[in-house]
C-alpha atoms as a PDB file:
ATOM      1  CA  MET A   1       0.000   0.000   0.000  1.00  0.00           C
ATOM      2  CA  THR A   2       1.390   3.379  -0.957  1.00  0.00           C
ATOM      3  CA  ASP A   3      -1.532   5.569   0.076  1.00  0.00           C
ATOM      4  CA  ALA A   4      -1.766   6.727   3.671  1.00  0.00           C
ATOM      5  CA  VAL A   5      -3.490   4.322   6.020  1.00  0.00           C
ATOM      6  CA  ARG A   6      -6.279   6.254   7.702  1.00  0.00           C
ATOM      7  CA  VAL A   7      -7.014   4.994  11.216  1.00  0.00           C
ATOM      8  CA  VAL A   8      -9.512   5.965  13.889  1.00  0.00           C
ATOM      9  CA  ALA A   9      -8.278   5.322  17.432  1.00  0.00           C
ATOM     10  CA  ALA A  10     -11.586   5.138  19.309  1.00  0.00           C
ATOM     11  CA  GLY A  11     -10.222   4.630  22.780  1.00  0.00           C
ATOM     12  CA  ASP A  12     -11.718   5.362  26.175  1.00  0.00           C
ATOM     13  CA  HIS A  13     -10.523   6.234  29.669  1.00  0.00           C
ATOM     14  CA  PHE A  14      -8.799   2.854  30.020  1.00  0.00           C
ATOM     15  CA  VAL A  15      -7.332   2.040  26.614  1.00  0.00           C
ATOM     16  CA  LEU A  16      -6.454   5.643  25.908  1.00  0.00           C
ATOM     17  CA  PRO A  17      -6.583   6.893  22.320  1.00  0.00           C
ATOM     18  CA  SER A  18      -2.989   8.051  22.776  1.00  0.00           C
ATOM     19  CA  LEU A  19      -1.902   4.472  23.579  1.00  0.00           C
ATOM     20  CA  ILE A  20      -3.520   3.259  20.359  1.00  0.00           C
ATOM     21  CA  THR A  21      -1.992   6.100  18.340  1.00  0.00           C
ATOM     22  CA  ARG A  22       1.477   5.345  19.694  1.00  0.00           C
ATOM     23  CA  ALA A  23       1.155   1.603  19.052  1.00  0.00           C
ATOM     24  CA  VAL A  24      -0.174   2.124  15.517  1.00  0.00           C
ATOM     25  CA  GLY A  25       2.653   4.575  14.844  1.00  0.00           C
ATOM     26  CA  ASP A  26       5.201   1.967  15.917  1.00  0.00           C
ATOM     27  CA  GLU A  27       3.634  -0.629  13.613  1.00  0.00           C
ATOM     28  CA  LEU A  28       3.357   1.707  10.623  1.00  0.00           C
ATOM     29  CA  ARG A  29       6.694   3.456  11.086  1.00  0.00           C
ATOM     30  CA  GLY A  30       8.015   4.473   7.665  1.00  0.00           C
ATOM     31  CA  GLN A  31       4.594   4.081   6.043  1.00  0.00           C
ATOM     32  CA  PRO A  32       2.278   7.057   5.456  1.00  0.00           C
ATOM     33  CA  HIS A  33      -0.595   7.007   7.909  1.00  0.00           C
ATOM     34  CA  GLU A  34      -3.051   9.268   9.684  1.00  0.00           C
ATOM     35  CA  VAL A  35      -4.648   8.624  13.057  1.00  0.00           C
ATOM     36  CA  ARG A  36      -7.768  10.395  14.268  1.00  0.00           C
ATOM     37  CA  GLU A  37      -8.517  10.040  17.971  1.00  0.00           C
ATOM     38  CA  LEU A  38     -11.926   9.665  19.614  1.00  0.00           C
ATOM     39  CA  THR A  39     -12.447   9.243  23.369  1.00  0.00           C
ATOM     40  CA  LEU A  40     -15.458   7.181  24.417  1.00  0.00           C
ATOM     41  CA  GLY A  41     -16.938   7.375  27.907  1.00  0.00           C
ATOM     42  CA  TRP A  42     -16.184   3.944  29.384  1.00  0.00           C
ATOM     43  CA  PRO A  43     -15.577   3.183  32.276  1.00  0.00           C
ATOM     44  CA  LEU A  44     -16.817   6.525  33.606  1.00  0.00           C
ATOM     45  CA  GLU A  45     -19.998   5.741  31.657  1.00  0.00           C
ATOM     46  CA  PRO A  46     -21.197   2.104  31.792  1.00  0.00           C
ATOM     47  CA  PHE A  47     -21.228  -0.061  28.703  1.00  0.00           C
ATOM     48  CA  GLY A  48     -24.257  -2.059  27.651  1.00  0.00           C
ATOM     49  CA  PRO A  49     -26.126  -3.374  24.618  1.00  0.00           C
ATOM     50  CA  VAL A  50     -26.244  -0.943  21.704  1.00  0.00           C
ATOM     51  CA  ALA A  51     -28.591  -1.911  18.888  1.00  0.00           C
ATOM     52  CA  GLU A  52     -27.629  -5.523  18.084  1.00  0.00           C
ATOM     53  CA  VAL A  53     -24.185  -5.640  19.775  1.00  0.00           C
ATOM     54  CA  GLU A  54     -23.193  -6.187  23.414  1.00  0.00           C
ATOM     55  CA  GLU A  55     -20.896  -4.396  25.852  1.00  0.00           C
ATOM     56  CA  ALA A  56     -20.399  -1.200  23.906  1.00  0.00           C
ATOM     57  CA  CYS A  57     -20.533   2.542  24.462  1.00  0.00           C
ATOM     58  CA  ASP A  58     -23.714   4.201  23.259  1.00  0.00           C
ATOM     59  CA  ALA A  59     -21.903   6.274  20.645  1.00  0.00           C
ATOM     60  CA  GLU A  60     -22.966   5.203  17.163  1.00  0.00           C
ATOM     61  CA  ASP A  61     -23.291   8.768  15.887  1.00  0.00           C
ATOM     62  CA  GLU A  62     -19.910   9.838  17.259  1.00  0.00           C
ATOM     63  CA  LEU A  63     -18.238   6.785  15.745  1.00  0.00           C
ATOM     64  CA  ILE A  64     -19.847   7.317  12.351  1.00  0.00           C
ATOM     65  CA  GLU A  65     -18.635  10.906  12.319  1.00  0.00           C
ATOM     66  CA  ALA A  66     -15.090   9.974  13.347  1.00  0.00           C
ATOM     67  CA  LEU A  67     -14.864   7.221  10.697  1.00  0.00           C
ATOM     68  CA  ALA A  68     -15.362   9.568   7.747  1.00  0.00           C
ATOM     69  CA  GLY A  69     -12.697   8.581   5.209  1.00  0.00           C
ATOM     70  CA  ALA A  70     -11.137   5.944   7.505  1.00  0.00           C
ATOM     71  CA  GLN A  71     -10.141   2.439   6.464  1.00  0.00           C
ATOM     72  CA  VAL A  72      -9.261   1.134   9.912  1.00  0.00           C
ATOM     73  CA  LEU A  73     -10.900   1.321  13.317  1.00  0.00           C
ATOM     74  CA  VAL A  74      -9.079   0.373  16.505  1.00  0.00           C
ATOM     75  CA  THR A  75     -11.367   0.362  19.524  1.00  0.00           C
ATOM     76  CA  GLN A  76     -12.336  -1.398  22.724  1.00  0.00           C
ATOM     77  CA  MET A  77     -15.896  -0.217  23.295  1.00  0.00           C
ATOM     78  CA  GLY A  78     -16.916   1.350  19.990  1.00  0.00           C
ATOM     79  CA  PRO A  79     -20.366   0.091  18.864  1.00  0.00           C
ATOM     80  CA  VAL A  80     -19.609  -1.426  15.461  1.00  0.00           C
ATOM     81  CA  THR A  81     -23.233  -2.025  14.544  1.00  0.00           C
ATOM     82  CA  GLY A  82     -24.823  -2.712  11.191  1.00  0.00           C
ATOM     83  CA  ARG A  83     -25.779   0.953  11.067  1.00  0.00           C
ATOM     84  CA  VAL A  84     -22.184   2.088  11.613  1.00  0.00           C
ATOM     85  CA  LEU A  85     -20.851  -0.329   9.000  1.00  0.00           C
ATOM     86  CA  ALA A  86     -23.484   0.728   6.466  1.00  0.00           C
ATOM     87  CA  ALA A  87     -22.664   4.390   7.023  1.00  0.00           C
ATOM     88  CA  ARG A  88     -18.930   3.895   6.394  1.00  0.00           C
ATOM     89  CA  PRO A  89     -18.491   1.455   3.478  1.00  0.00           C
ATOM     90  CA  GLY A  90     -14.823   2.430   3.155  1.00  0.00           C
ATOM     91  CA  LEU A  91     -13.998   0.720   6.448  1.00  0.00           C
ATOM     92  CA  ARG A  92     -11.892  -2.389   5.820  1.00  0.00           C
ATOM     93  CA  LEU A  93     -10.508  -3.438   9.207  1.00  0.00           C
ATOM     94  CA  VAL A  94     -11.782  -3.356  12.792  1.00  0.00           C
ATOM     95  CA  ALA A  95      -9.220  -4.228  15.469  1.00  0.00           C
ATOM     96  CA  VAL A  96     -10.860  -4.693  18.878  1.00  0.00           C
ATOM     97  CA  CYS A  97      -8.701  -4.220  21.989  1.00  0.00           C
ATOM     98  CA  ARG A  98     -10.290  -7.045  23.960  1.00  0.00           C
ATOM     99  CA  GLY A  99     -10.466 -10.807  24.146  1.00  0.00           C
ATOM    100  CA  GLY A 100     -13.538 -11.054  21.923  1.00  0.00           C
ATOM    101  CA  PRO A 101     -15.266  -8.631  19.527  1.00  0.00           C
ATOM    102  CA  VAL A 102     -18.663  -8.670  21.272  1.00  0.00           C
ATOM    103  CA  ASN A 103     -19.134  -5.018  20.324  1.00  0.00           C
ATOM    104  CA  VAL A 104     -19.052  -5.855  16.591  1.00  0.00           C
ATOM    105  CA  ASN A 105     -21.864  -7.139  14.369  1.00  0.00           C
ATOM    106  CA  LEU A 106     -19.811  -9.920  12.811  1.00  0.00           C
ATOM    107  CA  ASP A 107     -22.446 -10.912  10.252  1.00  0.00           C
ATOM    108  CA  ALA A 108     -22.700  -7.360   8.954  1.00  0.00           C
ATOM    109  CA  ALA A 109     -18.917  -7.027   8.881  1.00  0.00           C
ATOM    110  CA  ARG A 110     -18.541 -10.306   7.031  1.00  0.00           C
ATOM    111  CA  ALA A 111     -21.180  -9.292   4.487  1.00  0.00           C
ATOM    112  CA  ARG A 112     -19.284  -6.064   3.773  1.00  0.00           C
ATOM    113  CA  GLY A 113     -15.850  -7.684   3.609  1.00  0.00           C
ATOM    114  CA  VAL A 114     -14.597  -6.019   6.788  1.00  0.00           C
ATOM    115  CA  ARG A 115     -11.922  -7.931   8.674  1.00  0.00           C
ATOM    116  CA  VAL A 116     -12.501  -8.094  12.447  1.00  0.00           C
ATOM    117  CA  CYS A 117      -9.530  -8.828  14.683  1.00  0.00           C
ATOM    118  CA  PHE A 118      -9.242  -8.952  18.452  1.00  0.00           C
ATOM    119  CA  ALA A 119      -6.675  -9.142  21.277  1.00  0.00           C
ATOM    120  CA  PRO A 120      -6.754 -12.488  23.096  1.00  0.00           C
ATOM    121  CA  GLY A 121      -4.737 -12.870  26.266  1.00  0.00           C
ATOM    122  CA  ARG A 122      -4.323  -9.164  26.887  1.00  0.00           C
ATOM    123  CA  ASN A 123      -5.533  -9.368  30.488  1.00  0.00           C
ATOM    124  CA  ALA A 124      -4.587 -12.929  31.432  1.00  0.00           C
ATOM    125  CA  ALA A 125      -1.800 -11.982  33.853  1.00  0.00           C
ATOM    126  CA  ALA A 126      -3.793  -9.173  35.451  1.00  0.00           C
ATOM    127  CA  THR A 127      -6.901 -11.307  35.922  1.00  0.00           C
ATOM    128  CA  ALA A 128      -4.883 -14.181  37.367  1.00  0.00           C
ATOM    129  CA  GLU A 129      -3.226 -11.864  39.890  1.00  0.00           C
ATOM    130  CA  PHE A 130      -6.593 -10.332  40.791  1.00  0.00           C
ATOM    131  CA  THR A 131      -8.134 -13.775  41.265  1.00  0.00           C
ATOM    132  CA  VAL A 132      -5.430 -14.723  43.743  1.00  0.00           C
ATOM    133  CA  GLY A 133      -5.954 -11.382  45.495  1.00  0.00           C
ATOM    134  CA  LEU A 134      -9.687 -12.066  45.805  1.00  0.00           C
ATOM    135  CA  LEU A 135      -8.957 -15.526  47.131  1.00  0.00           C
ATOM    136  CA  LEU A 136      -6.579 -14.258  49.803  1.00  0.00           C
ATOM    137  CA  ALA A 137      -8.974 -11.460  50.748  1.00  0.00           C
ATOM    138  CA  ALA A 138     -11.804 -13.954  51.270  1.00  0.00           C
ATOM    139  CA  LEU A 139      -9.759 -16.566  53.090  1.00  0.00           C
ATOM    140  CA  ARG A 140      -8.157 -14.146  55.541  1.00  0.00           C
ATOM    141  CA  ARG A 141     -11.121 -11.708  55.968  1.00  0.00           C
ATOM    142  CA  ILE A 142      -8.934  -8.773  54.885  1.00  0.00           C
ATOM    143  CA  PRO A 143     -11.655  -6.386  53.571  1.00  0.00           C
ATOM    144  CA  ARG A 144     -13.925  -7.026  56.555  1.00  0.00           C
ATOM    145  CA  ALA A 145     -11.116  -6.463  59.061  1.00  0.00           C
ATOM    146  CA  HIS A 146     -10.098  -3.277  57.246  1.00  0.00           C
ATOM    147  CA  ASP A 147     -13.659  -1.975  57.300  1.00  0.00           C
ATOM    148  CA  LEU A 148     -14.043  -2.605  61.025  1.00  0.00           C
ATOM    149  CA  LEU A 149     -10.794  -0.885  61.934  1.00  0.00           C
ATOM    150  CA  ALA A 150     -10.295   1.863  59.354  1.00  0.00           C
ATOM    151  CA  ARG A 151     -13.912   2.902  58.761  1.00  0.00           C
ATOM    152  CA  ARG A 152     -15.574   2.075  62.064  1.00  0.00           C
ATOM    153  CA  GLY A 153     -12.642   2.453  64.438  1.00  0.00           C
ATOM    154  CA  SER A 154     -13.388  -0.950  65.933  1.00  0.00           C
ATOM    155  CA  TRP A 155     -10.927  -3.619  67.047  1.00  0.00           C
ATOM    156  CA  GLU A 156     -13.648  -6.273  66.605  1.00  0.00           C
ATOM    157  CA  GLY A 157     -11.707  -7.779  63.743  1.00  0.00           C
ATOM    158  CA  ALA A 158      -9.435  -9.324  66.340  1.00  0.00           C
ATOM    159  CA  ALA A 159     -12.177 -11.933  66.695  1.00  0.00           C
ATOM    160  CA  TYR A 160     -10.800 -13.436  63.486  1.00  0.00           C
ATOM    161  CA  TYR A 161      -7.886 -14.594  65.639  1.00  0.00           C
ATOM    162  CA  THR A 162     -10.171 -16.978  67.491  1.00  0.00           C
ATOM    163  CA  TYR A 163     -10.071 -20.564  66.268  1.00  0.00           C
ATOM    164  CA  GLU A 164     -13.794 -20.477  65.487  1.00  0.00           C
ATOM    165  CA  HIS A 165     -13.481 -17.507  63.137  1.00  0.00           C
ATOM    166  CA  GLY A 166      -9.904 -17.953  61.959  1.00  0.00           C
ATOM    167  CA  GLY A 167      -9.267 -17.873  58.223  1.00  0.00           C
ATOM    168  CA  LEU A 168      -7.807 -20.557  55.981  1.00  0.00           C
ATOM    169  CA  GLU A 169      -4.291 -20.483  54.597  1.00  0.00           C
ATOM    170  CA  LEU A 170      -3.305 -21.617  51.136  1.00  0.00           C
ATOM    171  CA  GLU A 171      -0.568 -24.027  52.150  1.00  0.00           C
ATOM    172  CA  ASP A 172      -1.956 -27.577  51.865  1.00  0.00           C
ATOM    173  CA  LEU A 173      -5.424 -26.211  51.034  1.00  0.00           C
ATOM    174  CA  PRO A 174      -7.320 -28.207  48.358  1.00  0.00           C
ATOM    175  CA  VAL A 175      -8.148 -25.643  45.667  1.00  0.00           C
ATOM    176  CA  GLY A 176     -10.144 -26.607  42.570  1.00  0.00           C
ATOM    177  CA  LEU A 177      -9.774 -24.667  39.328  1.00  0.00           C
ATOM    178  CA  ILE A 178     -12.602 -24.901  36.822  1.00  0.00           C
ATOM    179  CA  GLY A 179     -10.967 -24.045  33.522  1.00  0.00           C
ATOM    180  CA  TYR A 180      -7.274 -24.056  32.635  1.00  0.00           C
ATOM    181  CA  GLY A 181      -6.850 -21.485  29.912  1.00  0.00           C
ATOM    182  CA  ALA A 182      -4.636 -18.402  29.889  1.00  0.00           C
ATOM    183  CA  VAL A 183      -5.931 -17.234  33.287  1.00  0.00           C
ATOM    184  CA  GLY A 184      -6.501 -20.549  35.034  1.00  0.00           C
ATOM    185  CA  SER A 185      -3.046 -21.859  34.186  1.00  0.00           C
ATOM    186  CA  ARG A 186      -1.428 -18.750  35.692  1.00  0.00           C
ATOM    187  CA  VAL A 187      -3.540 -19.031  38.843  1.00  0.00           C
ATOM    188  CA  ALA A 188      -2.487 -22.673  39.154  1.00  0.00           C
ATOM    189  CA  ARG A 189       1.211 -21.767  39.003  1.00  0.00           C
ATOM    190  CA  VAL A 190       0.824 -19.094  41.681  1.00  0.00           C
ATOM    191  CA  LEU A 191      -1.205 -21.336  43.994  1.00  0.00           C
ATOM    192  CA  CYS A 192       1.320 -24.147  43.616  1.00  0.00           C
ATOM    193  CA  ALA A 193       4.008 -21.696  44.732  1.00  0.00           C
ATOM    194  CA  PHE A 194       1.928 -21.028  47.865  1.00  0.00           C
ATOM    195  CA  GLY A 195       1.854 -24.759  48.532  1.00  0.00           C
ATOM    196  CA  ALA A 196      -1.835 -25.263  47.783  1.00  0.00           C
ATOM    197  CA  ARG A 197      -3.040 -28.679  46.652  1.00  0.00           C
ATOM    198  CA  VAL A 198      -4.209 -27.587  43.203  1.00  0.00           C
ATOM    199  CA  MET A 199      -6.751 -29.631  41.260  1.00  0.00           C
ATOM    200  CA  VAL A 200      -7.964 -28.818  37.753  1.00  0.00           C
ATOM    201  CA  TYR A 201     -11.083 -29.685  35.807  1.00  0.00           C
ATOM    202  CA  ASP A 202     -11.034 -28.746  32.126  1.00  0.00           C
ATOM    203  CA  PRO A 203     -12.211 -31.296  29.548  1.00  0.00           C
ATOM    204  CA  TYR A 204     -10.548 -29.376  26.707  1.00  0.00           C
ATOM    205  CA  ILE A 205      -6.980 -29.240  28.042  1.00  0.00           C
ATOM    206  CA  ARG A 206      -4.361 -31.820  27.124  1.00  0.00           C
ATOM    207  CA  GLY A 207      -0.735 -32.118  28.122  1.00  0.00           C
ATOM    208  CA  GLU A 208       1.075 -31.148  31.309  1.00  0.00           C
ATOM    209  CA  ILE A 209      -0.612 -28.999  33.934  1.00  0.00           C
ATOM    210  CA  HIS A 210       0.300 -27.487  37.288  1.00  0.00           C
ATOM    211  CA  GLY A 211      -1.640 -29.547  39.790  1.00  0.00           C
ATOM    212  CA  LEU A 212      -3.737 -32.688  39.631  1.00  0.00           C
ATOM    213  CA  ARG A 213      -6.095 -33.241  36.718  1.00  0.00           C
ATOM    214  CA  VAL A 214      -9.569 -34.320  37.877  1.00  0.00           C
ATOM    215  CA  ALA A 215     -11.808 -36.209  35.467  1.00  0.00           C
ATOM    216  CA  SER A 216     -15.200 -34.791  36.474  1.00  0.00           C
ATOM    217  CA  LEU A 217     -16.570 -31.528  37.805  1.00  0.00           C
ATOM    218  CA  ASP A 218     -18.482 -33.323  40.554  1.00  0.00           C
ATOM    219  CA  ASP A 219     -15.306 -35.006  41.783  1.00  0.00           C
ATOM    220  CA  LEU A 220     -13.466 -31.682  41.824  1.00  0.00           C
ATOM    221  CA  LEU A 221     -16.239 -30.044  43.837  1.00  0.00           C
ATOM    222  CA  ARG A 222     -16.352 -32.821  46.439  1.00  0.00           C
ATOM    223  CA  ARG A 223     -12.591 -32.533  47.015  1.00  0.00           C
ATOM    224  CA  SER A 224     -12.131 -28.724  47.025  1.00  0.00           C
ATOM    225  CA  ARG A 225     -12.242 -26.368  50.007  1.00  0.00           C
ATOM    226  CA  VAL A 226     -12.030 -23.498  47.509  1.00  0.00           C
ATOM    227  CA  ILE A 227     -13.087 -23.299  43.870  1.00  0.00           C
ATOM    228  CA  THR A 228     -12.147 -20.614  41.360  1.00  0.00           C
ATOM    229  CA  LEU A 229     -13.928 -20.228  38.032  1.00  0.00           C
ATOM    230  CA  HIS A 230     -11.988 -19.723  34.804  1.00  0.00           C
ATOM    231  CA  ALA A 231     -14.279 -21.219  32.148  1.00  0.00           C
ATOM    232  CA  ARG A 232     -15.459 -19.347  29.073  1.00  0.00           C
ATOM    233  CA  LEU A 233     -19.101 -18.316  29.050  1.00  0.00           C
ATOM    234  CA  THR A 234     -20.981 -20.394  26.479  1.00  0.00           C
ATOM    235  CA  ALA A 235     -24.453 -21.846  26.206  1.00  0.00           C
ATOM    236  CA  GLY A 236     -23.045 -24.981  27.839  1.00  0.00           C
ATOM    237  CA  THR A 237     -21.320 -23.225  30.761  1.00  0.00           C
ATOM    238  CA  ARG A 238     -24.025 -20.699  31.636  1.00  0.00           C
ATOM    239  CA  GLY A 239     -25.185 -21.640  35.141  1.00  0.00           C
ATOM    240  CA  LEU A 240     -22.341 -24.153  35.405  1.00  0.00           C
ATOM    241  CA  ILE A 241     -22.257 -23.799  39.198  1.00  0.00           C
ATOM    242  CA  GLY A 242     -25.754 -23.927  40.664  1.00  0.00           C
ATOM    243  CA  ALA A 243     -27.446 -25.246  43.778  1.00  0.00           C
ATOM    244  CA  ARG A 244     -26.632 -28.896  42.994  1.00  0.00           C
ATOM    245  CA  GLU A 245     -22.968 -28.164  42.416  1.00  0.00           C
ATOM    246  CA  LEU A 246     -22.607 -25.941  45.487  1.00  0.00           C
ATOM    247  CA  ALA A 247     -24.123 -28.707  47.609  1.00  0.00           C
ATOM    248  CA  LEU A 248     -21.256 -30.989  46.588  1.00  0.00           C
ATOM    249  CA  LEU A 249     -18.658 -28.698  48.153  1.00  0.00           C
ATOM    250  CA  PRO A 250     -17.451 -29.444  51.685  1.00  0.00           C
ATOM    251  CA  HIS A 251     -19.144 -27.443  54.432  1.00  0.00           C
ATOM    252  CA  GLY A 252     -17.468 -24.039  54.849  1.00  0.00           C
ATOM    253  CA  ALA A 253     -16.049 -23.917  51.314  1.00  0.00           C
ATOM    254  CA  VAL A 254     -15.198 -20.689  49.471  1.00  0.00           C
ATOM    255  CA  VAL A 255     -16.175 -19.709  45.895  1.00  0.00           C
ATOM    256  CA  VAL A 256     -14.204 -17.237  43.757  1.00  0.00           C
ATOM    257  CA  ASN A 257     -15.374 -15.922  40.385  1.00  0.00           C
ATOM    258  CA  ALA A 258     -13.386 -13.374  38.392  1.00  0.00           C
ATOM    259  CA  ALA A 259     -14.364 -14.920  35.042  1.00  0.00           C
ATOM    260  CA  ARG A 260     -17.963 -14.326  33.949  1.00  0.00           C
ATOM    261  CA  GLY A 261     -20.916 -13.714  36.242  1.00  0.00           C
ATOM    262  CA  PRO A 262     -23.430 -16.021  34.522  1.00  0.00           C
ATOM    263  CA  LEU A 263     -21.194 -19.039  35.141  1.00  0.00           C
ATOM    264  CA  LEU A 264     -22.534 -18.936  38.695  1.00  0.00           C
ATOM    265  CA  ASP A 265     -26.141 -19.037  39.919  1.00  0.00           C
ATOM    266  CA  GLU A 266     -26.127 -16.020  42.251  1.00  0.00           C
ATOM    267  CA  ASP A 267     -29.348 -16.943  44.051  1.00  0.00           C
ATOM    268  CA  ALA A 268     -28.014 -20.410  44.786  1.00  0.00           C
ATOM    269  CA  LEU A 269     -24.763 -18.844  45.999  1.00  0.00           C
ATOM    270  CA  CYS A 270     -26.645 -16.491  48.324  1.00  0.00           C
ATOM    271  CA  ASP A 271     -28.709 -19.387  49.673  1.00  0.00           C
ATOM    272  CA  ALA A 272     -25.520 -21.311  50.461  1.00  0.00           C
ATOM    273  CA  LEU A 273     -23.919 -18.289  52.131  1.00  0.00           C
ATOM    274  CA  GLU A 274     -27.011 -17.452  54.174  1.00  0.00           C
ATOM    275  CA  SER A 275     -27.343 -21.034  55.391  1.00  0.00           C
ATOM    276  CA  GLY A 276     -23.683 -21.152  56.376  1.00  0.00           C
ATOM    277  CA  ARG A 277     -22.928 -23.993  53.990  1.00  0.00           C
ATOM    278  CA  LEU A 278     -20.381 -21.712  52.297  1.00  0.00           C
ATOM    279  CA  SER A 279     -18.164 -19.610  54.532  1.00  0.00           C
ATOM    280  CA  ALA A 280     -17.295 -16.946  51.966  1.00  0.00           C
ATOM    281  CA  ALA A 281     -17.313 -15.902  48.341  1.00  0.00           C
ATOM    282  CA  ALA A 282     -15.284 -13.399  46.337  1.00  0.00           C
ATOM    283  CA  LEU A 283     -16.761 -12.048  43.117  1.00  0.00           C
ATOM    284  CA  ASP A 284     -15.566  -9.625  40.463  1.00  0.00           C
ATOM    285  CA  THR A 285     -18.241 -10.439  37.880  1.00  0.00           C
ATOM    286  CA  TYR A 286     -22.016 -10.718  38.130  1.00  0.00           C
ATOM    287  CA  ALA A 287     -25.088 -11.895  36.276  1.00  0.00           C
ATOM    288  CA  ARG A 288     -26.059  -8.230  35.844  1.00  0.00           C
ATOM    289  CA  GLU A 289     -23.557  -5.391  35.727  1.00  0.00           C
ATOM    290  CA  PRO A 290     -23.482  -2.913  37.350  1.00  0.00           C
ATOM    291  CA  LEU A 291     -24.601  -4.957  40.357  1.00  0.00           C
ATOM    292  CA  PRO A 292     -28.261  -4.010  40.976  1.00  0.00           C
ATOM    293  CA  PRO A 293     -29.108  -2.214  44.239  1.00  0.00           C
ATOM    294  CA  GLU A 294     -31.536  -5.003  45.109  1.00  0.00           C
ATOM    295  CA  SER A 295     -28.939  -7.761  44.734  1.00  0.00           C
ATOM    296  CA  ARG A 296     -28.952 -10.178  47.665  1.00  0.00           C
ATOM    297  CA  LEU A 297     -25.163 -10.111  47.633  1.00  0.00           C
ATOM    298  CA  ARG A 298     -25.160  -6.596  49.079  1.00  0.00           C
ATOM    299  CA  ALA A 299     -26.733  -7.860  52.303  1.00  0.00           C
ATOM    300  CA  LEU A 300     -23.946 -10.420  52.768  1.00  0.00           C
ATOM    301  CA  ALA A 301     -21.070  -7.967  53.197  1.00  0.00           C
ATOM    302  CA  ASP A 302     -19.600  -9.901  56.127  1.00  0.00           C
ATOM    303  CA  ARG A 303     -19.265 -13.029  53.988  1.00  0.00           C
ATOM    304  CA  VAL A 304     -18.507 -11.742  50.495  1.00  0.00           C
ATOM    305  CA  VAL A 305     -15.790  -9.724  48.791  1.00  0.00           C
ATOM    306  CA  LEU A 306     -17.300  -7.738  45.916  1.00  0.00           C
ATOM    307  CA  THR A 307     -15.365  -5.735  43.308  1.00  0.00           C
ATOM    308  CA  PRO A 308     -16.762  -3.987  40.195  1.00  0.00           C
ATOM    309  CA  HIS A 309     -15.250  -6.123  37.390  1.00  0.00           C
ATOM    310  CA  LEU A 310     -11.686  -4.925  37.952  1.00  0.00           C
ATOM    311  CA  GLY A 311      -9.807  -8.120  37.100  1.00  0.00           C
ATOM    312  CA  GLY A 312      -8.290  -6.666  33.949  1.00  0.00           C
ATOM    313  CA  ALA A 313      -7.824  -3.135  35.276  1.00  0.00           C
ATOM    314  CA  SER A 314      -4.081  -2.618  35.041  1.00  0.00           C
ATOM    315  CA  ARG A 315      -2.077  -0.151  32.997  1.00  0.00           C
ATOM    316  CA  ALA A 316      -0.169  -3.044  31.465  1.00  0.00           C
ATOM    317  CA  VAL A 317      -3.428  -4.499  30.106  1.00  0.00           C
ATOM    318  CA  ALA A 318      -4.316  -1.247  28.351  1.00  0.00           C
ATOM    319  CA  GLU A 319      -0.855  -1.059  26.828  1.00  0.00           C
ATOM    320  CA  LYS A 320      -0.859  -4.726  25.754  1.00  0.00           C
ATOM    321  CA  ALA A 321      -4.322  -4.397  24.221  1.00  0.00           C
ATOM    322  CA  ALA A 322      -3.256  -1.405  22.152  1.00  0.00           C
ATOM    323  CA  ARG A 323      -0.111  -3.176  20.959  1.00  0.00           C
ATOM    324  CA  ILE A 324      -1.920  -6.413  20.021  1.00  0.00           C
ATOM    325  CA  ALA A 325      -4.586  -4.531  18.080  1.00  0.00           C
ATOM    326  CA  ALA A 326      -2.015  -2.294  16.403  1.00  0.00           C
ATOM    327  CA  ALA A 327      -0.043  -5.351  15.326  1.00  0.00           C
ATOM    328  CA  GLU A 328      -3.100  -6.465  13.367  1.00  0.00           C
ATOM    329  CA  VAL A 329      -3.224  -3.056  11.689  1.00  0.00           C
ATOM    330  CA  GLY A 330       0.414  -3.498  10.712  1.00  0.00           C
ATOM    331  CA  ARG A 331      -0.228  -6.939   9.241  1.00  0.00           C
ATOM    332  CA  TRP A 332      -3.213  -5.654   7.290  1.00  0.00           C
ATOM    333  CA  ALA A 333      -1.237  -2.698   5.935  1.00  0.00           C
ATOM    334  CA  ARG A 334       1.587  -5.010   4.816  1.00  0.00           C
ATOM    335  CA  GLY A 335      -0.806  -7.469   3.214  1.00  0.00           C
ATOM    336  CA  GLU A 336       0.006 -10.204   5.745  1.00  0.00           C
ATOM    337  CA  PRO A 337      -2.500 -12.671   7.244  1.00  0.00           C
ATOM    338  CA  PRO A 338      -4.006 -11.542  10.553  1.00  0.00           C
ATOM    339  CA  ALA A 339      -3.077 -13.377  13.744  1.00  0.00           C
ATOM    340  CA  HIS A 340      -6.460 -13.175  15.482  1.00  0.00           C
ATOM    341  CA  CYS A 341      -9.346 -12.703  13.078  1.00  0.00           C
ATOM    342  CA  LEU A 342     -13.009 -13.769  12.998  1.00  0.00           C
ATOM    343  CA  THR A 343     -14.070 -12.507   9.551  1.00  0.00           C
END
């Protein structure tokens, strides 16, 4: 290509447009190119469904305007709907700065010959670290103790030093991982370093793993004092952990979910927490986000650790996402096959 590559960097307050511009510039160094920046509102403004796509900023008009004359869009939350694609027929490539292009109408893109690429693995390390942090926070009552002392000025948290209320430690603790992909495998390595007895259930993984491979989910649940969820959300995994599965866990077990909220039946989880069958849970993702005010989880603050989907919230993730997406722009500009493409 000898003409300038015209790119729109539709970033937000996490994957900054400037990060995308810099990464695209590195990829297209020595080749004529123009980058137009657009800042979308996420995460200061929540994402949601926009027309026929999911998890996008409500900014179709702004995106259409910014894409005038552009061939390439690099974005994380831009709503690449059928309407947007129809309005800008010159668009040839969409590079999404996330693990899956849920904000893109893939059928419409495919029909118009638009390549759609994405950035798998960009937040694997950050999410794995966050999962371990949630686990430690739940096991050792760290948020609750902090709240009692720092916010309420109470030394009541010292009660966690009693045997009855003492927390669990990771060394020798049976921990079951459900899913062993980019995140789960990292969590397994960290937990093994702590001395935990790591068990893994993932019917799709072959080869060596860190920990003991368990043949069935039911067997894993019966043997685990803690479970952490790392499965992809599909029609087959939605509601994967419900009342029946929670009942298989040993009394006083702990559940951690920093993957996808719908993997876990929240009502069944609340029932198990309220009855005392589970001692704690730590969640970063929910069936509905933002977490509704009427959620039963909010009334269980002494037994749950709740964070607002922050597993991938690190500066390194934003930088990696921009670089992975920009690399696809570079391949497209050089006429090379894409590395991660769905259309």
